[in-house]
Amino acid sequence: VQHTIPCKPYLFVHSKNNNGTSLYRNLKGKQVDKILRKTDIGLVHIPPDNRFSGQPSTKLFEYWAFGIPVLGTNYDCNRKFINSQLGMLYEDSPISFAVQLTKMTGVINTFNSKIIMKHSKKYTWQGIVIKNVLLFSPIK
């Protein structure tokens, strides 16, 4: 199983042919695309801090656009967005993370990347514009 861990600017960790872990830093667009296409799980770790409680992580939607299920911290925004078809949640502790990661790798084949990608479309700019145009357009 390959795991992806983002931070600024970019840090990706994933298994390489199941022989270990590779570390990537400062990846550019095409490089990120190539890595994400080989990734099985996306990590959406949000620290338990009120500054981050009002909005979801951009990484959440980036992973979903690639059809990648996510493992996210159990906080308000992640709970609103992540359901059992899209990923799993863990408490902000090393033990909870390890337990949930183990569970997720055991059921990784039950996640359907097409369902995840379809779900992500409503969060694209196109999806947001269409929704709002339809909402505020006069009915004819």
Protein backbone atom coordinates (compact mmCIF):
# COMPACT_ATOMS: atom_id res chain seq x y z
CA VAL A 1 0.00 0.00 0.00
CA GLN A 2 1.23 3.44 -0.82
CA HIS A 3 0.65 6.30 1.60
CA THR A 4 0.80 9.98 0.82
CA ILE A 5 1.50 12.60 3.46
CA PRO A 6 1.24 16.24 2.40
CA CYS A 7 2.70 19.30 4.02
CA LYS A 8 4.11 22.56 2.73
CA PRO A 9 5.39 22.78 0.10
CA TYR A 10 4.84 19.07 -0.60
CA LEU A 11 6.01 15.95 1.17
CA PHE A 12 4.97 12.56 -0.12
CA VAL A 13 5.83 9.23 1.43
CA HIS A 14 4.85 6.02 -0.29
CA SER A 15 5.99 2.45 -0.56
CA LYS A 16 8.08 1.63 -3.57
CA ASN A 17 7.30 -1.85 -4.88
CA ASN A 18 6.50 -2.80 -1.27
CA ASN A 19 10.23 -2.64 -0.50
CA GLY A 20 10.29 0.48 1.63
CA THR A 21 9.45 4.13 1.69
CA SER A 22 10.40 7.02 -0.56
CA LEU A 23 10.38 10.64 0.47
CA TYR A 24 9.59 13.45 -1.97
CA ARG A 25 9.93 17.17 -1.34
CA ASN A 26 9.21 20.28 -3.36
CA LEU A 27 7.34 18.48 -6.10
CA LYS A 28 6.00 20.43 -9.06
CA GLY A 29 2.66 19.91 -10.82
CA LYS A 30 3.49 17.04 -13.16
CA GLN A 31 5.54 15.30 -10.49
CA VAL A 32 2.66 15.54 -8.01
CA ASP A 33 0.30 14.15 -10.63
CA LYS A 34 2.59 11.17 -11.26
CA ILE A 35 2.89 10.37 -7.54
CA LEU A 36 -0.84 10.75 -6.87
CA ARG A 37 -1.66 8.34 -9.68
CA LYS A 38 0.28 5.65 -7.75
CA THR A 39 -1.17 6.50 -4.33
CA ASP A 40 -3.72 4.35 -2.50
CA ILE A 41 -4.42 6.47 0.60
CA GLY A 42 -4.29 10.23 1.09
CA LEU A 43 -3.64 11.63 4.56
CA VAL A 44 -5.68 14.66 5.62
CA HIS A 45 -4.25 15.45 9.03
CA ILE A 46 -5.71 18.59 10.55
CA PRO A 47 -4.38 19.51 14.00
CA PRO A 48 -6.98 20.03 16.75
CA ASP A 49 -6.74 23.81 16.60
CA ASN A 50 -9.68 26.20 16.30
CA ARG A 51 -7.88 28.10 13.54
CA PHE A 52 -8.45 25.09 11.25
CA SER A 53 -11.97 24.17 12.34
CA GLY A 54 -13.88 26.31 9.85
CA GLN A 55 -12.75 24.92 6.53
CA PRO A 56 -11.71 21.60 5.04
CA SER A 57 -8.22 20.92 3.76
CA THR A 58 -7.63 21.51 0.06
CA LYS A 59 -5.74 18.19 0.02
CA LEU A 60 -9.02 16.39 0.75
CA PHE A 61 -10.48 17.51 -2.58
CA GLU A 62 -7.22 16.99 -4.46
CA TYR A 63 -7.07 13.37 -3.33
CA TRP A 64 -10.73 12.80 -4.21
CA ALA A 65 -10.22 14.29 -7.67
CA PHE A 66 -7.77 11.42 -8.24
CA GLY A 67 -10.19 8.88 -6.72
CA ILE A 68 -8.02 8.37 -3.64
CA PRO A 69 -9.75 7.51 -0.35
CA VAL A 70 -8.53 9.57 2.59
CA LEU A 71 -7.56 8.97 6.17
CA GLY A 72 -8.36 12.13 8.11
CA THR A 73 -8.32 13.41 11.65
CA ASN A 74 -11.68 13.28 13.38
CA TYR A 75 -12.56 16.97 13.56
CA ASP A 76 -15.64 18.95 12.55
CA CYS A 77 -14.89 19.64 8.87
CA ASN A 78 -13.52 16.19 8.12
CA ARG A 79 -16.60 14.62 9.77
CA LYS A 80 -18.84 16.71 7.50
CA PHE A 81 -17.09 15.55 4.34
CA ILE A 82 -15.61 12.08 4.91
CA ASN A 83 -17.98 9.12 4.94
CA SER A 84 -17.35 5.38 4.75
CA GLN A 85 -17.32 5.41 0.92
CA LEU A 86 -14.70 8.16 0.82
CA GLY A 87 -12.30 7.28 3.63
CA MET A 88 -11.88 6.89 7.37
CA LEU A 89 -11.31 9.11 10.39
CA TYR A 90 -8.85 8.76 13.26
CA GLU A 91 -8.39 10.55 16.57
CA ASP A 92 -5.38 12.86 16.80
CA SER A 93 -3.03 10.37 18.42
CA PRO A 94 -0.30 8.07 17.12
CA ILE A 95 -2.13 4.95 18.34
CA SER A 96 -5.44 5.90 16.71
CA PHE A 97 -3.64 6.78 13.50
CA ALA A 98 -1.82 3.42 13.45
CA VAL A 99 -5.02 1.48 14.21
CA GLN A 100 -7.08 3.25 11.54
CA LEU A 101 -4.29 3.05 8.95
CA THR A 102 -4.07 -0.70 9.57
CA LYS A 103 -7.86 -1.02 9.22
CA MET A 104 -7.88 1.07 6.07
CA THR A 105 -5.11 -0.89 4.39
CA GLY A 106 -7.05 -4.05 5.16
CA VAL A 107 -10.13 -2.79 3.32
CA ILE A 108 -8.47 -0.60 0.68
CA ASN A 109 -9.94 -2.67 -2.15
CA THR A 110 -13.48 -1.85 -0.99
CA PHE A 111 -13.08 1.82 -1.91
CA ASN A 112 -14.31 2.61 -5.41
CA SER A 113 -12.18 5.30 -7.05
CA LYS A 114 -14.91 6.06 -9.62
CA ILE A 115 -17.42 6.82 -6.84
CA ILE A 116 -14.82 8.99 -5.08
CA MET A 117 -14.02 10.93 -8.29
CA LYS A 118 -17.73 11.40 -9.04
CA HIS A 119 -18.27 12.70 -5.50
CA SER A 120 -15.40 15.18 -5.92
CA LYS A 121 -16.93 16.81 -9.02
CA LYS A 122 -19.38 18.87 -6.97
CA TYR A 123 -16.37 20.53 -5.32
CA THR A 124 -14.65 21.62 -8.55
CA TRP A 125 -14.89 25.25 -9.59
CA GLN A 126 -17.11 24.18 -12.45
CA GLY A 127 -19.42 22.33 -10.07
CA ILE A 128 -19.59 25.28 -7.68
CA VAL A 129 -20.32 27.77 -10.47
CA ILE A 130 -23.01 25.58 -12.02
CA LYS A 131 -24.67 25.06 -8.64
CA ASN A 132 -24.68 28.79 -7.86
CA VAL A 133 -25.75 29.86 -11.34
CA LEU A 134 -28.68 27.47 -11.16
CA LEU A 135 -29.48 28.65 -7.64
CA PHE A 136 -29.48 32.36 -8.49
CA SER A 137 -30.66 32.28 -12.11
CA PRO A 138 -34.21 33.46 -12.77
CA ILE A 139 -36.62 30.67 -13.62
CA LYS A 140 -37.96 30.90 -17.16
